[in-house]
C-alpha atoms as a PDB file:
ATOM      1  CA  MET A   1       0.000   0.000   0.000  1.00  0.00           C
ATOM      2  CA  LEU A   2       2.835   2.385   0.693  1.00  0.00           C
ATOM      3  CA  GLN A   3       4.632   1.907  -2.621  1.00  0.00           C
ATOM      4  CA  LYS A   4       3.329   4.419  -5.166  1.00  0.00           C
ATOM      5  CA  ASN A   5       4.209   2.231  -8.144  1.00  0.00           C
ATOM      6  CA  LYS A   6       2.181  -0.681  -6.703  1.00  0.00           C
ATOM      7  CA  SER A   7      -0.904   0.962  -5.183  1.00  0.00           C
ATOM      8  CA  GLY A   8      -0.921   4.625  -6.179  1.00  0.00           C
ATOM      9  CA  GLY A   9      -1.203   5.795  -2.596  1.00  0.00           C
ATOM     10  CA  CYS A  10      -4.420   6.750  -0.859  1.00  0.00           C
ATOM     11  CA  LEU A  11      -5.698   8.534  -3.968  1.00  0.00           C
ATOM     12  CA  LEU A  12      -5.670   5.475  -6.234  1.00  0.00           C
ATOM     13  CA  ASP A  13      -6.076   2.777  -3.567  1.00  0.00           C
ATOM     14  CA  GLN A  14      -8.762   4.061  -1.196  1.00  0.00           C
ATOM     15  CA  HIS A  15     -10.084   7.404  -2.518  1.00  0.00           C
ATOM     16  CA  ILE A  16     -10.836   5.759  -5.885  1.00  0.00           C
ATOM     17  CA  HIS A  17     -14.002   4.344  -4.270  1.00  0.00           C
ATOM     18  CA  ASP A  18     -15.143   7.886  -3.425  1.00  0.00           C
ATOM     19  CA  VAL A  19     -14.451   8.899  -7.026  1.00  0.00           C
ATOM     20  CA  ASP A  20     -16.447   5.927  -8.309  1.00  0.00           C
ATOM     21  CA  THR A  21     -19.428   6.763  -6.100  1.00  0.00           C
ATOM     22  CA  ILE A  22     -19.331  10.437  -7.112  1.00  0.00           C
ATOM     23  CA  ASN A  23     -19.112   9.471 -10.788  1.00  0.00           C
ATOM     24  CA  TRP A  24     -22.069   7.090 -10.357  1.00  0.00           C
ATOM     25  CA  LEU A  25     -24.239   9.583  -8.454  1.00  0.00           C
ATOM     26  CA  PHE A  26     -23.419  12.815 -10.272  1.00  0.00           C
ATOM     27  CA  GLY A  27     -21.736  11.869 -13.540  1.00  0.00           C
ATOM     28  CA  LYS A  28     -18.360  12.858 -14.924  1.00  0.00           C
ATOM     29  CA  PRO A  29     -17.317  16.350 -13.840  1.00  0.00           C
ATOM     30  CA  ALA A  30     -16.074  18.958 -16.310  1.00  0.00           C
ATOM     31  CA  ALA A  31     -12.959  19.523 -14.178  1.00  0.00           C
ATOM     32  CA  VAL A  32     -11.328  18.585 -10.877  1.00  0.00           C
ATOM     33  CA  SER A  33      -9.039  20.341  -8.434  1.00  0.00           C
ATOM     34  CA  THR A  34      -7.193  18.307  -5.828  1.00  0.00           C
ATOM     35  CA  THR A  35      -4.665  19.027  -3.143  1.00  0.00           C
ATOM     36  CA  GLY A  36      -2.656  16.203  -1.684  1.00  0.00           C
ATOM     37  CA  LYS A  37       0.144  15.469   0.721  1.00  0.00           C
ATOM     38  CA  VAL A  38       2.656  12.650   0.802  1.00  0.00           C
ATOM     39  CA  ILE A  39       3.367  11.554   4.377  1.00  0.00           C
ATOM     40  CA  PHE A  40       5.053   8.190   3.874  1.00  0.00           C
ATOM     41  CA  ASP A  41       8.213   8.211   1.747  1.00  0.00           C
ATOM     42  CA  GLY A  42       7.688   6.367  -1.513  1.00  0.00           C
ATOM     43  CA  SER A  43       3.902   6.260  -1.336  1.00  0.00           C
ATOM     44  CA  GLY A  44       1.524   8.284  -3.483  1.00  0.00           C
ATOM     45  CA  TYR A  45      -0.631  10.990  -1.964  1.00  0.00           C
ATOM     46  CA  ASP A  46      -1.614   9.860   1.539  1.00  0.00           C
ATOM     47  CA  ILE A  47      -4.064  12.713   2.153  1.00  0.00           C
ATOM     48  CA  VAL A  48      -6.296  14.146  -0.585  1.00  0.00           C
ATOM     49  CA  SER A  49      -9.030  16.745  -0.832  1.00  0.00           C
ATOM     50  CA  SER A  50     -10.827  16.966  -4.169  1.00  0.00           C
ATOM     51  CA  ASN A  51     -13.370  19.336  -5.651  1.00  0.00           C
ATOM     52  CA  TYR A  52     -15.452  18.258  -8.623  1.00  0.00           C
ATOM     53  CA  HIS A  53     -16.558  21.030 -10.973  1.00  0.00           C
ATOM     54  CA  TYR A  54     -19.812  20.553 -12.899  1.00  0.00           C
ATOM     55  CA  GLU A  55     -21.195  22.785 -15.626  1.00  0.00           C
ATOM     56  CA  ASP A  56     -24.554  23.010 -13.824  1.00  0.00           C
ATOM     57  CA  GLY A  57     -22.848  24.375 -10.687  1.00  0.00           C
ATOM     58  CA  LYS A  58     -23.193  21.328  -8.394  1.00  0.00           C
ATOM     59  CA  VAL A  59     -20.842  21.539  -5.411  1.00  0.00           C
ATOM     60  CA  VAL A  60     -19.208  18.146  -4.810  1.00  0.00           C
ATOM     61  CA  ASN A  61     -16.088  17.409  -2.790  1.00  0.00           C
ATOM     62  CA  ALA A  62     -14.415  14.438  -1.140  1.00  0.00           C
ATOM     63  CA  GLN A  63     -11.579  13.948   1.309  1.00  0.00           C
ATOM     64  CA  ASP A  64      -9.514  10.918   2.200  1.00  0.00           C
ATOM     65  CA  ASP A  65      -6.705  10.417   4.680  1.00  0.00           C
ATOM     66  CA  TRP A  66      -5.188   7.095   5.582  1.00  0.00           C
ATOM     67  CA  THR A  67      -2.644   8.565   8.006  1.00  0.00           C
ATOM     68  CA  ILE A  68      -4.933   9.098  11.012  1.00  0.00           C
ATOM     69  CA  ASN A  69      -3.144   7.817  14.102  1.00  0.00           C
ATOM     70  CA  GLY A  70      -4.299   5.842  17.103  1.00  0.00           C
ATOM     71  CA  ASP A  71      -7.303   3.567  17.253  1.00  0.00           C
ATOM     72  CA  PHE A  72      -9.529   5.893  15.204  1.00  0.00           C
ATOM     73  CA  GLY A  73     -10.336   3.099  12.750  1.00  0.00           C
ATOM     74  CA  PHE A  74     -11.989   3.431   9.373  1.00  0.00           C
ATOM     75  CA  GLU A  75     -14.843   5.850   8.853  1.00  0.00           C
ATOM     76  CA  MET A  76     -17.015   6.280   5.803  1.00  0.00           C
ATOM     77  CA  SER A  77     -19.442   9.180   5.796  1.00  0.00           C
ATOM     78  CA  TYR A  78     -21.250  11.489   3.422  1.00  0.00           C
ATOM     79  CA  ARG A  79     -23.782  14.298   3.275  1.00  0.00           C
ATOM     80  CA  ILE A  80     -25.894  14.912   0.193  1.00  0.00           C
ATOM     81  CA  ASN A  81     -28.246  17.886  -0.105  1.00  0.00           C
ATOM     82  CA  PHE A  82     -31.186  17.397  -2.475  1.00  0.00           C
ATOM     83  CA  GLU A  83     -33.985  19.750  -3.526  1.00  0.00           C
ATOM     84  CA  SER A  84     -36.316  18.467  -0.796  1.00  0.00           C
ATOM     85  CA  GLY A  85     -34.003  17.272   1.937  1.00  0.00           C
ATOM     86  CA  THR A  86     -30.632  15.961   3.013  1.00  0.00           C
ATOM     87  CA  ILE A  87     -29.281  12.492   3.726  1.00  0.00           C
ATOM     88  CA  ILE A  88     -26.304  11.899   5.977  1.00  0.00           C
ATOM     89  CA  LEU A  89     -24.369   8.702   6.602  1.00  0.00           C
ATOM     90  CA  GLU A  90     -22.389   9.037   9.806  1.00  0.00           C
ATOM     91  CA  LYS A  91     -20.936   6.316  12.026  1.00  0.00           C
ATOM     92  CA  GLY A  92     -22.752   3.715   9.922  1.00  0.00           C
ATOM     93  CA  ILE A  93     -26.184   5.289  10.424  1.00  0.00           C
ATOM     94  CA  LEU A  94     -28.134   6.755   7.505  1.00  0.00           C
ATOM     95  CA  THR A  95     -30.454   9.609   8.460  1.00  0.00           C
ATOM     96  CA  ASP A  96     -32.917  11.385   6.173  1.00  0.00           C
ATOM     97  CA  TYR A  97     -33.653  15.037   6.959  1.00  0.00           C
ATOM     98  CA  PRO A  98     -36.665  15.937   4.796  1.00  0.00           C
ATOM     99  CA  GLU A  99     -37.421  19.578   4.082  1.00  0.00           C
ATOM    100  CA  GLU A 100     -40.761  19.073   5.808  1.00  0.00           C
ATOM    101  CA  GLY A 101     -41.311  16.696   8.708  1.00  0.00           C
ATOM    102  CA  ALA A 102     -39.086  15.037  11.249  1.00  0.00           C
ATOM    103  CA  LYS A 103     -35.786  13.340  10.505  1.00  0.00           C
ATOM    104  CA  PHE A 104     -35.843   9.557  10.264  1.00  0.00           C
ATOM    105  CA  GLN A 105     -33.642   6.545   9.647  1.00  0.00           C
ATOM    106  CA  PRO A 106     -34.872   4.523   6.668  1.00  0.00           C
ATOM    107  CA  ASP A 107     -35.360   0.796   7.079  1.00  0.00           C
ATOM    108  CA  ILE A 108     -32.442  -0.587   5.070  1.00  0.00           C
ATOM    109  CA  ASN A 109     -30.382  -3.761   5.100  1.00  0.00           C
ATOM    110  CA  GLN A 110     -27.971  -3.470   8.036  1.00  0.00           C
ATOM    111  CA  GLU A 111     -25.602  -6.202   6.835  1.00  0.00           C
ATOM    112  CA  ASP A 112     -22.073  -5.027   6.155  1.00  0.00           C
ATOM    113  CA  GLY A 113     -21.506  -4.342   2.456  1.00  0.00           C
ATOM    114  CA  TYR A 114     -17.981  -5.769   2.536  1.00  0.00           C
ATOM    115  CA  TYR A 115     -19.297  -8.995   4.060  1.00  0.00           C
ATOM    116  CA  LEU A 116     -22.018  -9.269   1.417  1.00  0.00           C
ATOM    117  CA  GLU A 117     -19.491  -8.679  -1.366  1.00  0.00           C
ATOM    118  CA  ILE A 118     -17.139 -11.390  -0.079  1.00  0.00           C
ATOM    119  CA  LYS A 119     -20.074 -13.752   0.544  1.00  0.00           C
ATOM    120  CA  TYR A 120     -21.332 -13.276  -3.026  1.00  0.00           C
ATOM    121  CA  PHE A 121     -17.869 -13.925  -4.471  1.00  0.00           C
ATOM    122  CA  ALA A 122     -17.326 -17.023  -2.283  1.00  0.00           C
ATOM    123  CA  GLU A 123     -20.730 -18.419  -3.262  1.00  0.00           C
ATOM    124  CA  ALA A 124     -19.890 -17.913  -6.948  1.00  0.00           C
ATOM    125  CA  ILE A 125     -16.689 -19.929  -6.456  1.00  0.00           C
ATOM    126  CA  LEU A 126     -18.429 -22.672  -4.468  1.00  0.00           C
ATOM    127  CA  ASN A 127     -21.259 -22.892  -7.015  1.00  0.00           C
ATOM    128  CA  GLN A 128     -18.839 -22.613  -9.949  1.00  0.00           C
ATOM    129  CA  THR A 129     -20.767 -19.706 -11.443  1.00  0.00           C
ATOM    130  CA  SER A 130     -19.461 -16.484 -12.930  1.00  0.00           C
ATOM    131  CA  PRO A 131     -20.234 -13.449 -10.792  1.00  0.00           C
ATOM    132  CA  ASN A 132     -22.275 -10.732 -12.470  1.00  0.00           C
ATOM    133  CA  LEU A 133     -20.321  -7.541 -12.974  1.00  0.00           C
ATOM    134  CA  ALA A 134     -22.319  -4.853 -11.232  1.00  0.00           C
ATOM    135  CA  VAL A 135     -20.205  -2.069 -12.704  1.00  0.00           C
ATOM    136  CA  PRO A 136     -19.817  -1.691 -16.463  1.00  0.00           C
ATOM    137  CA  LEU A 137     -16.192  -1.549 -17.594  1.00  0.00           C
ATOM    138  CA  GLU A 138     -16.781   1.878 -19.159  1.00  0.00           C
ATOM    139  CA  SER A 139     -17.728   3.238 -15.732  1.00  0.00           C
ATOM    140  CA  THR A 140     -14.536   1.778 -14.255  1.00  0.00           C
ATOM    141  CA  ARG A 141     -12.442   3.376 -17.008  1.00  0.00           C
ATOM    142  CA  GLU A 142     -14.132   6.718 -16.446  1.00  0.00           C
ATOM    143  CA  THR A 143     -13.523   6.557 -12.686  1.00  0.00           C
ATOM    144  CA  ILE A 144      -9.816   5.859 -13.225  1.00  0.00           C
ATOM    145  CA  PHE A 145      -9.698   8.690 -15.785  1.00  0.00           C
ATOM    146  CA  ILE A 146     -11.154  11.109 -13.217  1.00  0.00           C
ATOM    147  CA  ALA A 147      -8.745   9.926 -10.481  1.00  0.00           C
ATOM    148  CA  GLU A 148      -5.762  10.331 -12.817  1.00  0.00           C
ATOM    149  CA  HIS A 149      -6.835  13.928 -13.417  1.00  0.00           C
ATOM    150  CA  GLU A 150      -7.112  14.428  -9.664  1.00  0.00           C
ATOM    151  CA  GLN A 151      -3.530  13.205  -9.345  1.00  0.00           C
ATOM    152  CA  ALA A 152      -2.446  15.600 -12.113  1.00  0.00           C
ATOM    153  CA  SER A 153      -4.164  18.452 -10.254  1.00  0.00           C
ATOM    154  CA  ALA A 154      -2.445  17.506  -6.988  1.00  0.00           C
ATOM    155  CA  ASP A 155       0.884  17.433  -8.852  1.00  0.00           C
ATOM    156  CA  LEU A 156       0.075  21.022  -9.915  1.00  0.00           C
ATOM    157  CA  ASN A 157      -0.634  22.091  -6.301  1.00  0.00           C
ATOM    158  CA  GLY A 158      -4.398  21.982  -6.701  1.00  0.00           C
ATOM    159  CA  GLU A 159      -4.787  23.669 -10.078  1.00  0.00           C
ATOM    160  CA  LYS A 160      -8.106  23.034 -11.778  1.00  0.00           C
ATOM    161  CA  VAL A 161      -7.683  20.366 -14.469  1.00  0.00           C
ATOM    162  CA  SER A 162     -10.280  19.913 -17.215  1.00  0.00           C
ATOM    163  CA  LEU A 163     -11.389  16.409 -18.105  1.00  0.00           C
END
């Protein structure tokens, strides 16, 4: 993980999942601007903060940092503001804040996504079936394309880079 030529650092190893989700939810941005910092010698960017620029003016950003010390652990969170409300995932709990009415937590599957992914793959092996690809290859290519432009922006100290 800490060898840039093998993993690409936090940006291409861990943050790539943020990029993929953003690409899936909002589409390919017109440009990106990213700042990054290398903490571990020989790794890629270990801390990144990216802004995604859309022609319709959407404000989208993502941060990732795999250098947090102590027993902090892994945290995945997000906040998305829609026309009629906001959803927030924090500490594994999804909360819906509608424009009108009280906040609530939707009834969703509470099983861990990583567990379900591994279970599905293991069952495919045991049953000798090919797993269905949930993500089209074009989407994967586009996500990598966006992340590579984020890296180029970070190399330029956060300059906006058109896609």
